[in-house]
Amino acid sequence: MIDKLIDLIADAVKDYAGEAVLPTFSVTVPAGEDHGDFSTGVAFGLAGPLKMAPHDIASEVAVRMRAHTDLIDRIEVVKPGYINFIMGRAFWHGSLRHIAERQTDYGKSDVGRGKKVLIEFVSANPTGPIHVGHGRGAVIGDVLARVMAASGYEVTREYYINDAGNQVLSLGYSVLNEYYKTNNIKPLSNTGEYRGDYVVSISGTLASMIPPAEINEQNIKRITEFSVKSVLGDETRALPNSSIKEALRSFNITFDNWFSEKKLYDDGSVAGIIEELNKRHAVKQEEGATWFLSTLYGDEKDRVLKKQAGELTYFASDIAYHVNKYKRGYNGLINIWGADHHGYLPRIRAALTALGYDADRLIVLFVQMVRLMRGDRPVAMSKRAGEYVTLKELVDEVGTDAVRFFFLQRSHESQLVFDIDLAKKQSQENPVYYVQYAHARISSIFGYALTKGWNVDAIEQRDSYVFTSQEKRLLAQCLIYPEVIRDIVAKGEPHKLTYYLVELVGILHRYYTDTRVVGDDQDTGQRLLLMNVVKIVLKNALDLLGISAPEKM
C-alpha cells in the first residue's frame, strides 16, 4: 500500500515537471501525529532542477494528488516543503489485509532478480580465534546477505582464507616451539609470534598427526598446515569447540565458499596477474623489486608486488583474488573490511582499473572497532585468547541474539561501545530483550484471547472498523517495513533494521499501555488482527537479523 502512495506521488511529479527531473524520494512516518499519517520531502529534490522554492513545488504536486480520495482523505503542505498525507479508511483496511495475506513474504521483493552478488566478510587470518572486532563485521555481512537474498538477489557468502605467507608460517613456528617447550627441547631462534591456550592445544595434538621423531623444523610446512586447519576447524582434534568455523556456527553465521589464498599461488594466478600488468605497462623494476604503478590510477604512491628477494606481497595475491571474483560473473562485489584497511581500497581499485575492470562494481564497507564495557568499566583483555576477547567468549556469556543485535545498534562507520551488563539484562533497558519481549507478549495475548473465545485465525476483518490514531500509527510503522528493507539494500546499512524495530516496539508498548486489546467489546477481533500483522513484521525482521522470535519469555 505504501508503494501505491509512492506511485501516486511519482505520477503527480511527472505530471507537473516531467519524468526527467523525478528525484529519489521516500515516504516516512512523521515524528508527531499532527503531521499526518505519512510525509514526503520529494519537493526538496525538485527545488534545484526547477529553480523554485520547495513549498511552491509541494503545493503543485499536492494539487495533482487530491483527486485520489479513495486512499487519501486529506493532503497538507507545510513549510518549508513537506507534503503530509492523512489516509482514508480503505487504505488502512487494505494495508491490514495485505500484510496478513503476505505472512512470511511480507517485506520480500524481487528488486534484485537476475543479479548475482558476492559478499566477502570476516576473512580473519587463520592464526588465532575470531575476536570481537571480527564478530561485528560478521553480523553486518550476514544480515546484509540475508536482506539482499530476501530482495531477490542471488547472494554468495564468501570467506577468504589467508593461508599463505609469513603469518601462517609464524603460527607453525609458534606451535612447534610450544611443543619443544612442553617436551623440554631447546627452542628455535624463530619462536613465532602467536601465544595463547589455542597454541598449546594445537601443539599437544601434533603427535597424533606427525610421529614425534618428525616434529622438527624440517617438517615446518606440515606443522603449519595442521595448525591452520586446526584454527579454521577443518582439523577437529586440537580445537573442537573454539575454532573459527565453530565460533561462527555458534554465532549463526554460515558461508557458501571458503576461498583459499594458497590456491592462487598454486594455480599461477598471482604470477599471471603480475605478467598481465607488465603487458599493460603498469609495472616497473626498481632496486630489484617489481612495483605496480598505482599512482597512474589514482593511488597516492606506487606499490610493491614482488620484493627484492623474490617474495610476492599480499597485495599481489589480493589483486589476483579480486580478479577471480570478477571472472566469476557477479553483478556486484561487496567486501566487509575493518576500518584499519581504509587505505587499502584505492590501491585495489587502481589495480582493477589497470587490468580493465570496472572498479566501481567493488563496494567496501569499513567496520569500526568495538569497545567492550561492563557498565562504566572497560573489559580487560582475555587471558585465554592471549591478546584479545574472542567472539565465542562473548557469545557464551551474553548469548547469540544479544551479541548480534548489539553489534547492529550503530552504523558500521561508527565505533561501538558494547555494554556486557546491559546485554544480559532482562528488562526494557536492553533493546534486544525489549524487541523479543514484544513478540512474546503478542503471543501471550493470543493465548489469553483463545480462553475468551477469540481465535485470531478465524476472525473476519470488518472494513467498517474505524482505527484509532494510535492504531493508525502502529500500522503505518508496519507499512514502512518494506521501505526500510529497500533502503538497507540501496545503502548497505543493516543497522537500520534494529533502529526500525526499536521504534516499532516503542509504538506498540505505548499502545499496550493505553488500550486493552482483549476486551468485552466486538472490536476485540479487529485489535487482534492488528496485533497479528505487528507480530508478522516483528518475526520477519528478527529472522533477517538472525535473531530468534520467542513465543514466551
Protein backbone atom coordinates (compact mmCIF):
# COMPACT_ATOMS: atom_id res chain seq x y z
CA MET A 1 0.00 0.00 0.00
CA ILE A 2 2.92 2.34 0.59
CA ASP A 3 4.02 1.51 -2.96
CA LYS A 4 0.65 2.80 -4.17
CA LEU A 5 1.23 6.08 -2.34
CA ILE A 6 4.76 6.34 -3.74
CA ASP A 7 3.41 5.69 -7.25
CA LEU A 8 0.77 8.42 -6.81
CA ILE A 9 3.45 10.91 -5.73
CA ALA A 10 5.69 9.95 -8.65
CA ASP A 11 2.81 10.29 -11.14
CA ALA A 12 1.97 13.73 -9.75
CA VAL A 13 5.59 14.86 -10.08
CA LYS A 14 5.77 13.59 -13.67
CA ASP A 15 2.50 15.34 -14.50
CA TYR A 16 3.81 18.61 -13.10
CA ALA A 17 7.50 18.62 -14.02
CA GLY A 18 8.14 15.67 -16.30
CA GLU A 19 9.84 12.34 -15.69
CA ALA A 20 13.33 13.69 -16.35
CA VAL A 21 13.53 15.53 -13.03
CA LEU A 22 11.89 12.87 -10.83
CA PRO A 23 14.25 12.54 -7.81
CA THR A 24 14.78 9.60 -5.50
CA PHE A 25 12.44 10.10 -2.56
CA SER A 26 10.89 8.25 0.34
CA VAL A 27 7.71 8.19 2.38
CA THR A 28 8.14 8.31 6.15
CA VAL A 29 6.03 8.22 9.28
CA PRO A 30 6.27 11.73 10.81
CA ALA A 31 7.50 12.17 14.37
CA GLY A 32 4.28 13.82 15.51
CA GLU A 33 0.71 12.72 14.78
CA ASP A 34 -0.22 16.32 13.92
CA HIS A 35 1.97 15.98 10.80
CA GLY A 36 -0.26 13.37 9.20
CA ASP A 37 -0.02 9.61 8.76
CA PHE A 38 2.78 9.81 6.19
CA SER A 39 5.03 12.51 4.82
CA THR A 40 7.39 13.04 1.88
CA GLY A 41 10.08 15.58 1.11
CA VAL A 42 10.05 14.94 -2.64
CA ALA A 43 9.82 18.69 -3.29
CA PHE A 44 13.31 19.28 -1.89
CA GLY A 45 14.81 17.08 -4.59
CA LEU A 46 12.99 19.13 -7.25
CA ALA A 47 13.97 22.57 -5.97
CA GLY A 48 17.35 22.63 -7.72
CA PRO A 49 16.28 21.40 -11.19
CA LEU A 50 13.14 23.55 -11.19
CA LYS A 51 14.78 26.56 -9.52
CA MET A 52 11.73 27.02 -7.30
CA ALA A 53 11.01 27.06 -3.58
CA PRO A 54 10.19 23.58 -2.21
CA HIS A 55 6.92 24.83 -0.70
CA ASP A 56 5.67 26.04 -4.08
CA ILE A 57 6.62 22.74 -5.72
CA ALA A 58 4.94 20.76 -2.94
CA SER A 59 1.74 22.75 -3.46
CA GLU A 60 1.70 21.92 -7.19
CA VAL A 61 2.32 18.22 -6.55
CA ALA A 62 -0.42 18.13 -3.89
CA VAL A 63 -2.97 19.66 -6.29
CA ARG A 64 -2.39 16.76 -8.68
CA MET A 65 -2.93 14.18 -5.93
CA ARG A 66 -6.07 15.45 -4.26
CA ALA A 67 -8.34 13.55 -6.63
CA HIS A 68 -7.35 10.21 -5.08
CA THR A 69 -9.90 10.33 -2.27
CA ASP A 70 -10.33 6.53 -2.24
CA LEU A 71 -6.98 6.22 -0.45
CA ILE A 72 -6.22 9.73 0.80
CA ASP A 73 -8.60 11.72 2.98
CA ARG A 74 -6.55 14.89 3.13
CA ILE A 75 -3.25 16.37 1.91
CA GLU A 76 -1.45 19.17 3.70
CA VAL A 77 1.54 21.16 2.50
CA VAL A 78 3.70 22.60 5.28
CA LYS A 79 6.78 24.77 5.18
CA PRO A 80 9.49 24.51 4.14
CA GLY A 81 8.13 21.99 1.62
CA TYR A 82 6.81 18.77 3.14
CA ILE A 83 3.67 17.06 1.89
CA ASN A 84 1.70 15.31 4.65
CA PHE A 85 -0.97 12.69 3.97
CA ILE A 86 -3.95 11.71 6.08
CA MET A 87 -5.08 8.36 4.71
CA GLY A 88 -8.64 7.10 4.31
CA ARG A 89 -10.31 4.05 5.87
CA ALA A 90 -9.93 1.99 2.67
CA PHE A 91 -6.16 2.47 2.82
CA TRP A 92 -5.88 1.17 6.37
CA HIS A 93 -8.06 -1.87 5.83
CA GLY A 94 -6.34 -2.68 2.55
CA SER A 95 -2.98 -2.44 4.33
CA LEU A 96 -4.05 -4.72 7.16
CA ARG A 97 -5.31 -7.31 4.68
CA HIS A 98 -2.16 -7.06 2.54
CA ILE A 99 0.27 -7.77 5.40
CA ALA A 100 -1.87 -10.61 6.76
CA GLU A 101 -2.02 -12.27 3.36
CA ARG A 102 1.73 -11.97 2.70
CA GLN A 103 2.77 -13.50 6.05
CA THR A 104 6.45 -14.54 5.88
CA ASP A 105 6.76 -12.97 2.42
CA TYR A 106 5.92 -9.51 3.72
CA GLY A 107 8.93 -7.27 3.14
CA LYS A 108 10.39 -9.52 0.47
CA SER A 109 10.71 -8.29 -3.11
CA ASP A 110 12.24 -9.14 -6.46
CA VAL A 111 14.21 -5.91 -6.97
CA GLY A 112 17.41 -7.95 -7.27
CA ARG A 113 16.04 -10.65 -9.53
CA GLY A 114 18.63 -11.86 -12.04
CA LYS A 115 21.53 -10.18 -10.19
CA LYS A 116 24.38 -12.10 -8.56
CA VAL A 117 26.18 -10.57 -5.60
CA LEU A 118 29.26 -11.82 -3.76
CA ILE A 119 29.66 -10.64 -0.17
CA GLU A 120 33.07 -11.35 1.34
CA PHE A 121 33.27 -10.85 5.09
CA VAL A 122 35.17 -11.86 8.22
CA SER A 123 38.18 -13.33 6.32
CA ALA A 124 40.22 -13.28 9.52
CA ASN A 125 43.72 -14.73 9.29
CA PRO A 126 43.62 -18.42 10.35
CA THR A 127 46.26 -17.79 13.00
CA GLY A 128 44.03 -17.47 16.05
CA PRO A 129 40.43 -17.36 17.30
CA ILE A 130 37.81 -14.99 15.94
CA HIS A 131 37.79 -11.88 18.13
CA VAL A 132 35.04 -9.40 18.92
CA GLY A 133 36.01 -7.00 16.13
CA HIS A 134 35.65 -9.79 13.56
CA GLY A 135 32.26 -10.59 15.06
CA ARG A 136 30.87 -7.16 14.30
CA GLY A 137 31.92 -7.46 10.66
CA ALA A 138 30.46 -10.97 10.60
CA VAL A 139 26.95 -9.92 11.62
CA ILE A 140 26.99 -6.88 9.31
CA GLY A 141 27.92 -9.08 6.35
CA ASP A 142 25.49 -11.81 7.30
CA VAL A 143 22.48 -9.53 7.79
CA LEU A 144 23.23 -7.65 4.58
CA ALA A 145 23.34 -11.02 2.79
CA ARG A 146 20.01 -12.05 4.35
CA VAL A 147 18.34 -8.78 3.39
CA MET A 148 19.64 -8.90 -0.19
CA ALA A 149 18.55 -12.53 -0.58
CA ALA A 150 15.07 -11.53 0.64
CA SER A 151 15.14 -8.81 -2.03
CA GLY A 152 15.63 -11.28 -4.87
CA TYR A 153 19.41 -11.21 -5.24
CA GLU A 154 21.38 -14.41 -5.75
CA VAL A 155 23.82 -13.97 -2.87
CA THR A 156 27.07 -15.83 -2.25
CA ARG A 157 28.71 -15.51 1.16
CA GLU A 158 32.47 -15.98 1.00
CA TYR A 159 35.33 -16.23 3.49
CA TYR A 160 38.80 -15.54 2.07
CA ILE A 161 41.32 -17.73 3.89
CA ASN A 162 44.72 -16.03 4.15
CA ASP A 163 46.55 -19.36 4.31
CA ALA A 164 49.73 -18.31 2.52
CA GLY A 165 52.70 -16.21 3.58
CA ASN A 166 54.64 -15.35 6.68
CA GLN A 167 51.75 -15.04 9.14
CA VAL A 168 50.74 -18.71 8.82
CA LEU A 169 54.38 -19.80 8.84
CA SER A 170 54.76 -17.87 12.09
CA LEU A 171 51.83 -19.85 13.51
CA GLY A 172 53.60 -23.06 12.57
CA TYR A 173 56.75 -21.97 14.36
CA SER A 174 54.71 -20.88 17.40
CA VAL A 175 53.13 -24.33 17.63
CA LEU A 176 56.45 -26.14 17.08
CA ASN A 177 58.20 -24.15 19.80
CA GLU A 178 55.34 -24.71 22.21
CA TYR A 179 55.78 -28.42 21.54
CA TYR A 180 59.53 -28.09 22.20
CA LYS A 181 58.84 -26.22 25.42
CA THR A 182 56.42 -28.88 26.67
CA ASN A 183 58.86 -31.66 25.82
CA ASN A 184 61.98 -29.92 27.22
CA ILE A 185 63.55 -29.46 23.80
CA LYS A 186 65.71 -26.43 23.06
CA PRO A 187 63.54 -23.84 21.24
CA LEU A 188 64.37 -22.46 17.81
CA SER A 189 65.55 -18.90 17.26
CA ASN A 190 62.35 -18.34 15.22
CA THR A 191 59.82 -18.78 18.01
CA GLY A 192 56.81 -17.37 16.14
CA GLU A 193 54.60 -14.50 17.29
CA TYR A 194 51.43 -16.25 18.48
CA ARG A 195 50.57 -17.09 22.07
CA GLY A 196 47.59 -18.40 23.97
CA ASP A 197 45.88 -21.59 25.05
CA TYR A 198 44.92 -22.41 21.47
CA VAL A 199 48.62 -22.68 20.53
CA VAL A 200 49.16 -25.02 23.49
CA SER A 201 46.18 -27.15 22.41
CA ILE A 202 47.41 -27.48 18.83
CA SER A 203 50.94 -28.38 19.96
CA GLY A 204 49.51 -31.02 22.26
CA THR A 205 47.89 -32.83 19.33
CA LEU A 206 50.86 -32.69 16.94
CA ALA A 207 51.97 -36.20 17.85
CA SER A 208 48.58 -37.56 16.75
CA MET A 209 49.37 -36.37 13.21
CA ILE A 210 53.18 -36.48 12.94
CA PRO A 211 55.46 -39.08 14.52
CA PRO A 212 57.40 -37.40 17.38
CA ALA A 213 60.72 -38.04 15.65
CA GLU A 214 59.50 -35.94 12.72
CA ILE A 215 58.24 -32.98 14.73
CA ASN A 216 61.03 -30.60 13.78
CA GLU A 217 61.87 -27.61 11.62
CA GLN A 218 62.37 -29.79 8.54
CA ASN A 219 58.63 -30.54 8.70
CA ILE A 220 57.51 -26.97 9.42
CA LYS A 221 55.30 -26.99 6.31
CA ARG A 222 53.28 -29.97 7.58
CA ILE A 223 53.11 -28.48 11.07
CA THR A 224 51.90 -25.16 9.65
CA GLU A 225 49.20 -26.81 7.54
CA PHE A 226 47.99 -28.81 10.54
CA SER A 227 47.94 -25.65 12.67
CA VAL A 228 45.97 -23.66 10.10
CA LYS A 229 43.42 -26.46 9.69
CA SER A 230 43.08 -26.64 13.47
CA VAL A 231 42.41 -22.91 13.83
CA LEU A 232 39.92 -22.99 10.95
CA GLY A 233 38.12 -26.07 12.25
CA ASP A 234 38.93 -28.41 9.37
CA GLU A 235 41.06 -30.44 11.79
CA THR A 236 38.95 -31.03 14.89
CA ARG A 237 41.42 -32.82 17.17
CA ALA A 238 43.04 -29.66 18.51
CA LEU A 239 40.28 -27.08 18.91
CA PRO A 240 36.90 -28.85 18.73
CA ASN A 241 34.97 -26.02 20.43
CA SER A 242 36.98 -22.89 19.69
CA SER A 243 37.91 -22.99 16.01
CA ILE A 244 36.92 -20.22 13.61
CA LYS A 245 34.18 -22.29 12.00
CA GLU A 246 32.74 -23.40 15.33
CA ALA A 247 32.73 -19.82 16.65
CA LEU A 248 30.89 -18.65 13.53
CA ARG A 249 28.39 -21.51 13.72
CA SER A 250 27.60 -20.59 17.31
CA PHE A 251 27.05 -17.04 16.09
CA ASN A 252 24.55 -18.19 13.45
CA ILE A 253 26.93 -17.41 10.56
CA THR A 254 27.39 -19.70 7.56
CA PHE A 255 29.39 -19.33 4.34
CA ASP A 256 28.81 -20.70 0.86
CA ASN A 257 32.51 -20.59 -0.07
CA TRP A 258 35.79 -20.81 1.82
CA PHE A 259 38.29 -19.46 -0.72
CA SER A 260 41.97 -20.33 -0.21
CA GLU A 261 44.65 -17.72 -0.91
CA LYS A 262 47.19 -20.55 -1.27
CA LYS A 263 45.37 -21.86 -4.35
CA LEU A 264 46.00 -18.55 -6.11
CA TYR A 265 49.72 -19.19 -5.78
CA ASP A 266 49.45 -22.88 -6.63
CA ASP A 267 47.48 -22.36 -9.86
CA GLY A 268 49.70 -19.48 -11.06
CA SER A 269 47.04 -16.77 -10.69
CA VAL A 270 49.28 -14.41 -8.72
CA ALA A 271 52.20 -14.72 -11.14
CA GLY A 272 49.75 -14.31 -14.02
CA ILE A 273 48.45 -11.02 -12.62
CA ILE A 274 51.94 -9.54 -12.50
CA GLU A 275 52.56 -10.71 -16.06
CA GLU A 276 49.31 -9.12 -17.24
CA LEU A 277 50.09 -5.81 -15.50
CA ASN A 278 53.51 -5.89 -17.16
CA LYS A 279 51.90 -6.34 -20.58
CA ARG A 280 49.76 -3.27 -19.84
CA HIS A 281 52.88 -1.25 -18.94
CA ALA A 282 51.63 -0.85 -15.38
CA VAL A 283 54.72 -2.11 -13.57
CA LYS A 284 58.31 -1.00 -13.10
CA GLN A 285 61.52 -2.62 -11.87
CA GLU A 286 63.34 -0.66 -9.23
CA GLU A 287 66.06 -1.72 -6.77
CA GLY A 288 65.47 -5.35 -7.71
CA ALA A 289 61.74 -5.22 -6.84
CA THR A 290 58.63 -5.20 -9.04
CA TRP A 291 56.30 -2.25 -8.46
CA PHE A 292 52.74 -1.60 -9.59
CA LEU A 293 52.42 1.94 -10.97
CA SER A 294 49.30 2.61 -8.96
CA THR A 295 49.83 6.40 -8.99
CA LEU A 296 48.80 6.30 -12.65
CA TYR A 297 45.37 5.18 -11.49
CA GLY A 298 44.68 7.49 -8.58
CA ASP A 299 46.62 5.89 -5.71
CA GLU A 300 48.89 8.04 -3.54
CA LYS A 301 52.05 6.01 -4.22
CA ASP A 302 53.27 3.00 -6.19
CA ARG A 303 53.06 -0.43 -4.55
CA VAL A 304 55.42 -3.39 -4.37
CA LEU A 305 54.23 -6.63 -5.98
CA LYS A 306 57.43 -8.65 -5.70
CA LYS A 307 60.16 -7.92 -3.20
CA GLN A 308 63.86 -7.81 -3.99
CA ALA A 309 64.32 -11.34 -2.65
CA GLY A 310 61.60 -12.61 -4.99
CA GLU A 311 58.84 -12.91 -2.37
CA LEU A 312 55.38 -11.94 -3.64
CA THR A 313 53.43 -9.49 -1.48
CA TYR A 314 49.92 -9.88 -0.08
CA PHE A 315 48.86 -7.06 -2.37
CA ALA A 316 49.72 -9.22 -5.39
CA SER A 317 47.55 -12.09 -4.16
CA ASP A 318 44.74 -9.68 -3.22
CA ILE A 319 44.67 -8.40 -6.80
CA ALA A 320 44.51 -11.97 -8.08
CA TYR A 321 41.67 -12.76 -5.68
CA HIS A 322 39.58 -9.79 -6.77
CA VAL A 323 40.18 -10.57 -10.44
CA ASN A 324 38.97 -14.09 -9.70
CA LYS A 325 35.77 -12.58 -8.25
CA TYR A 326 35.18 -10.53 -11.40
CA LYS A 327 35.74 -13.55 -13.62
CA ARG A 328 33.04 -15.47 -11.76
CA GLY A 329 30.44 -13.15 -13.27
CA TYR A 330 28.97 -11.33 -10.28
CA ASN A 331 27.00 -8.14 -10.87
CA GLY A 332 28.10 -6.73 -7.55
CA LEU A 333 31.02 -7.32 -5.20
CA ILE A 334 30.79 -6.27 -1.55
CA ASN A 335 33.66 -6.52 0.93
CA ILE A 336 33.31 -6.02 4.69
CA TRP A 337 36.69 -4.79 5.99
CA GLY A 338 37.99 -3.44 9.27
CA ALA A 339 38.46 0.31 9.46
CA ASP A 340 42.24 -0.17 9.59
CA HIS A 341 42.09 -1.26 5.92
CA HIS A 342 40.64 2.05 4.74
CA GLY A 343 43.79 3.00 2.84
CA TYR A 344 43.86 -0.34 1.05
CA LEU A 345 40.86 0.31 -1.19
CA PRO A 346 42.46 2.88 -3.55
CA ARG A 347 45.29 0.51 -4.48
CA ILE A 348 42.91 -2.40 -5.13
CA ARG A 349 40.68 -0.22 -7.30
CA ALA A 350 43.75 1.12 -9.09
CA ALA A 351 44.87 -2.42 -9.94
CA LEU A 352 41.40 -3.42 -11.16
CA THR A 353 41.23 -0.32 -13.35
CA ALA A 354 44.70 -1.07 -14.78
CA LEU A 355 43.51 -4.57 -15.66
CA GLY A 356 40.44 -3.26 -17.47
CA TYR A 357 37.77 -3.98 -14.86
CA ASP A 358 35.05 -1.62 -13.64
CA ALA A 359 36.36 -0.81 -10.17
CA ASP A 360 33.05 0.85 -9.20
CA ARG A 361 31.46 -2.60 -9.03
CA LEU A 362 33.53 -3.21 -5.89
CA ILE A 363 31.89 -1.76 -2.77
CA VAL A 364 33.66 -1.86 0.57
CA LEU A 365 32.02 -1.28 3.95
CA PHE A 366 34.54 -0.34 6.62
CA VAL A 367 33.64 -1.53 10.11
CA GLN A 368 34.82 0.48 13.10
CA MET A 369 36.15 -1.08 16.29
CA VAL A 370 34.19 -2.44 19.26
CA ARG A 371 34.93 -1.37 22.83
CA LEU A 372 33.71 -3.79 25.49
CA MET A 373 32.46 -2.41 28.82
CA ARG A 374 30.85 -3.75 31.98
CA GLY A 375 28.79 -0.74 32.96
CA ASP A 376 31.39 2.03 33.24
CA ARG A 377 34.41 -0.33 33.42
CA PRO A 378 36.42 -1.38 30.35
CA VAL A 379 36.74 -5.14 29.90
CA ALA A 380 40.26 -6.49 30.42
CA MET A 381 41.94 -8.45 27.65
CA SER A 382 41.18 -12.17 27.55
CA LYS A 383 43.66 -14.43 29.33
CA ARG A 384 42.62 -17.49 27.34
CA ALA A 385 43.00 -15.84 23.93
CA GLY A 386 46.32 -14.28 24.81
CA GLU A 387 45.70 -10.95 23.11
CA TYR A 388 42.01 -10.20 22.75
CA VAL A 389 38.45 -11.12 23.76
CA THR A 390 37.19 -13.86 21.48
CA LEU A 391 33.78 -13.82 19.86
CA LYS A 392 32.98 -17.20 21.42
CA GLU A 393 33.73 -15.87 24.92
CA LEU A 394 31.29 -13.00 24.39
CA VAL A 395 28.60 -15.24 22.87
CA ASP A 396 28.97 -17.78 25.68
CA GLU A 397 28.44 -15.06 28.29
CA VAL A 398 25.78 -12.91 26.64
CA GLY A 399 24.06 -15.10 24.04
CA THR A 400 23.97 -15.06 20.26
CA ASP A 401 20.80 -12.95 19.95
CA ALA A 402 22.07 -10.16 22.18
CA VAL A 403 25.50 -10.00 20.55
CA ARG A 404 24.05 -9.86 17.04
CA PHE A 405 21.56 -7.14 17.98
CA PHE A 406 24.09 -5.04 19.90
CA PHE A 407 26.60 -5.18 17.05
CA LEU A 408 23.94 -3.63 14.80
CA GLN A 409 22.86 -0.82 17.09
CA ARG A 410 25.06 1.72 15.33
CA SER A 411 26.26 2.31 11.79
CA HIS A 412 29.31 0.29 10.77
CA GLU A 413 31.03 3.66 10.24
CA SER A 414 30.77 4.48 13.96
CA GLN A 415 32.71 2.97 16.83
CA LEU A 416 30.57 0.79 19.08
CA VAL A 417 30.55 0.60 22.87
CA PHE A 418 29.23 -2.83 23.88
CA ASP A 419 27.93 -2.90 27.46
CA ILE A 420 28.01 -6.54 28.55
CA ASP A 421 25.96 -5.86 31.71
CA LEU A 422 23.22 -4.21 29.68
CA ALA A 423 23.19 -7.02 27.10
CA LYS A 424 22.49 -9.53 29.89
CA LYS A 425 19.63 -7.59 31.49
CA GLN A 426 16.11 -8.94 31.15
CA SER A 427 14.39 -5.58 31.14
CA GLN A 428 13.23 -2.91 28.73
CA GLU A 429 16.60 -1.19 29.10
CA ASN A 430 18.05 -3.98 26.98
CA PRO A 431 16.97 -3.31 23.36
CA VAL A 432 17.04 -6.93 22.16
CA TYR A 433 15.01 -8.06 25.18
CA TYR A 434 12.67 -5.12 24.54
CA VAL A 435 12.04 -6.27 20.95
CA GLN A 436 11.83 -10.01 21.65
CA TYR A 437 9.50 -9.41 24.59
CA ALA A 438 7.09 -7.59 22.28
CA HIS A 439 6.83 -10.67 20.06
CA ALA A 440 6.35 -12.93 23.08
CA ARG A 441 3.76 -10.57 24.56
CA ILE A 442 1.61 -10.68 21.42
CA SER A 443 1.78 -14.49 21.56
CA SER A 444 0.63 -14.31 25.17
CA ILE A 445 -2.26 -12.03 24.20
CA PHE A 446 -3.35 -14.52 21.53
CA GLY A 447 -3.24 -17.30 24.13
CA TYR A 448 -5.41 -15.28 26.51
CA ALA A 449 -7.77 -14.36 23.67
CA LEU A 450 -8.36 -18.05 22.97
CA THR A 451 -9.61 -18.53 26.53
CA LYS A 452 -12.14 -15.76 25.80
CA GLY A 453 -13.29 -17.37 22.55
CA TRP A 454 -11.21 -15.32 20.14
CA ASN A 455 -9.14 -17.32 17.63
CA VAL A 456 -7.12 -14.83 15.59
CA ASP A 457 -7.01 -17.22 12.61
CA ALA A 458 -10.82 -17.29 12.44
CA ILE A 459 -11.56 -13.56 12.86
CA GLU A 460 -13.10 -11.78 9.89
CA GLN A 461 -11.92 -8.29 9.09
CA ARG A 462 -14.63 -5.61 9.24
CA ASP A 463 -13.96 -2.80 6.80
CA SER A 464 -16.34 -0.60 8.76
CA TYR A 465 -13.96 -0.60 11.73
CA VAL A 466 -12.50 2.85 12.46
CA PHE A 467 -8.87 2.72 13.53
CA THR A 468 -7.79 4.94 16.39
CA SER A 469 -4.93 7.38 15.87
CA GLN A 470 -2.60 5.06 17.82
CA GLU A 471 -3.63 2.08 15.72
CA LYS A 472 -3.02 4.01 12.51
CA ARG A 473 0.42 4.96 13.73
CA LEU A 474 1.23 1.36 14.62
CA LEU A 475 0.03 0.10 11.25
CA ALA A 476 1.84 2.92 9.46
CA GLN A 477 5.10 1.79 11.07
CA CYS A 478 4.43 -1.76 9.84
CA LEU A 479 3.80 -0.41 6.35
CA ILE A 480 7.20 1.25 6.00
CA TYR A 481 8.99 -2.03 6.76
CA PRO A 482 9.48 -2.87 3.04
CA GLU A 483 10.88 0.65 2.54
CA VAL A 484 13.40 0.02 5.32
CA ILE A 485 14.50 -3.18 3.59
CA ARG A 486 14.91 -1.40 0.26
CA ASP A 487 16.91 1.36 1.94
CA ILE A 488 19.25 -1.17 3.57
CA VAL A 489 19.94 -2.77 0.19
CA ALA A 490 20.48 0.56 -1.53
CA LYS A 491 22.84 1.98 1.11
CA GLY A 492 24.40 -1.11 2.70
CA GLU A 493 23.24 -0.12 6.19
CA PRO A 494 21.81 -3.17 8.01
CA HIS A 495 21.83 -1.34 11.35
CA LYS A 496 18.68 0.45 10.19
CA LEU A 497 16.73 -2.72 10.87
CA THR A 498 17.44 -2.56 14.60
CA TYR A 499 16.55 1.14 14.62
CA TYR A 500 13.28 0.29 12.91
CA LEU A 501 12.40 -2.48 15.34
CA VAL A 502 13.06 -0.39 18.44
CA GLU A 503 10.83 2.36 17.05
CA LEU A 504 8.06 -0.10 16.13
CA VAL A 505 8.13 -1.73 19.55
CA GLY A 506 8.09 1.68 21.23
CA ILE A 507 4.83 2.50 19.44
CA LEU A 508 3.48 -0.95 20.29
CA HIS A 509 4.25 -0.64 24.00
CA ARG A 510 2.55 2.75 24.17
CA TYR A 511 -0.50 1.16 22.54
CA TYR A 512 -0.48 -1.66 25.12
CA THR A 513 -0.38 0.88 27.92
CA ASP A 514 -3.38 2.83 26.65
CA THR A 515 -5.50 0.03 25.17
CA ARG A 516 -6.95 -3.22 26.45
CA VAL A 517 -6.57 -5.43 23.41
CA VAL A 518 -8.82 -8.27 24.59
CA GLY A 519 -11.94 -6.64 26.00
CA ASP A 520 -15.66 -7.29 26.17
CA ASP A 521 -16.49 -5.31 23.02
CA GLN A 522 -16.89 -6.53 19.44
CA ASP A 523 -13.81 -4.55 18.36
CA THR A 524 -11.56 -7.01 20.20
CA GLY A 525 -11.31 -9.06 16.99
CA GLN A 526 -10.09 -6.09 14.95
CA ARG A 527 -7.48 -5.21 17.56
CA LEU A 528 -6.27 -8.81 17.47
CA LEU A 529 -5.95 -8.64 13.68
CA LEU A 530 -3.77 -5.56 14.11
CA MET A 531 -1.63 -7.40 16.66
CA ASN A 532 -1.28 -10.24 14.18
CA VAL A 533 0.26 -8.04 11.48
CA VAL A 534 2.60 -6.45 14.02
CA LYS A 535 3.72 -9.93 15.02
CA ILE A 536 4.30 -10.83 11.36
CA VAL A 537 6.56 -7.81 10.90
CA LEU A 538 8.46 -8.48 14.14
CA LYS A 539 9.07 -12.12 13.17
CA ASN A 540 10.16 -11.30 9.63
CA ALA A 541 12.56 -8.59 10.76
CA LEU A 542 14.07 -10.74 13.53
CA ASP A 543 14.57 -13.55 11.01
CA LEU A 544 16.56 -11.19 8.79
CA LEU A 545 18.68 -10.25 11.81
CA GLY A 546 19.32 -13.93 12.51
CA ILE A 547 17.70 -13.49 15.93
CA SER A 548 15.04 -15.71 17.50
CA ALA A 549 11.43 -14.57 17.88
CA PRO A 550 10.32 -16.27 21.14
CA GLU A 551 6.71 -17.20 21.81
CA LYS A 552 7.22 -16.80 25.56
CA MET A 553 9.81 -15.16 27.82
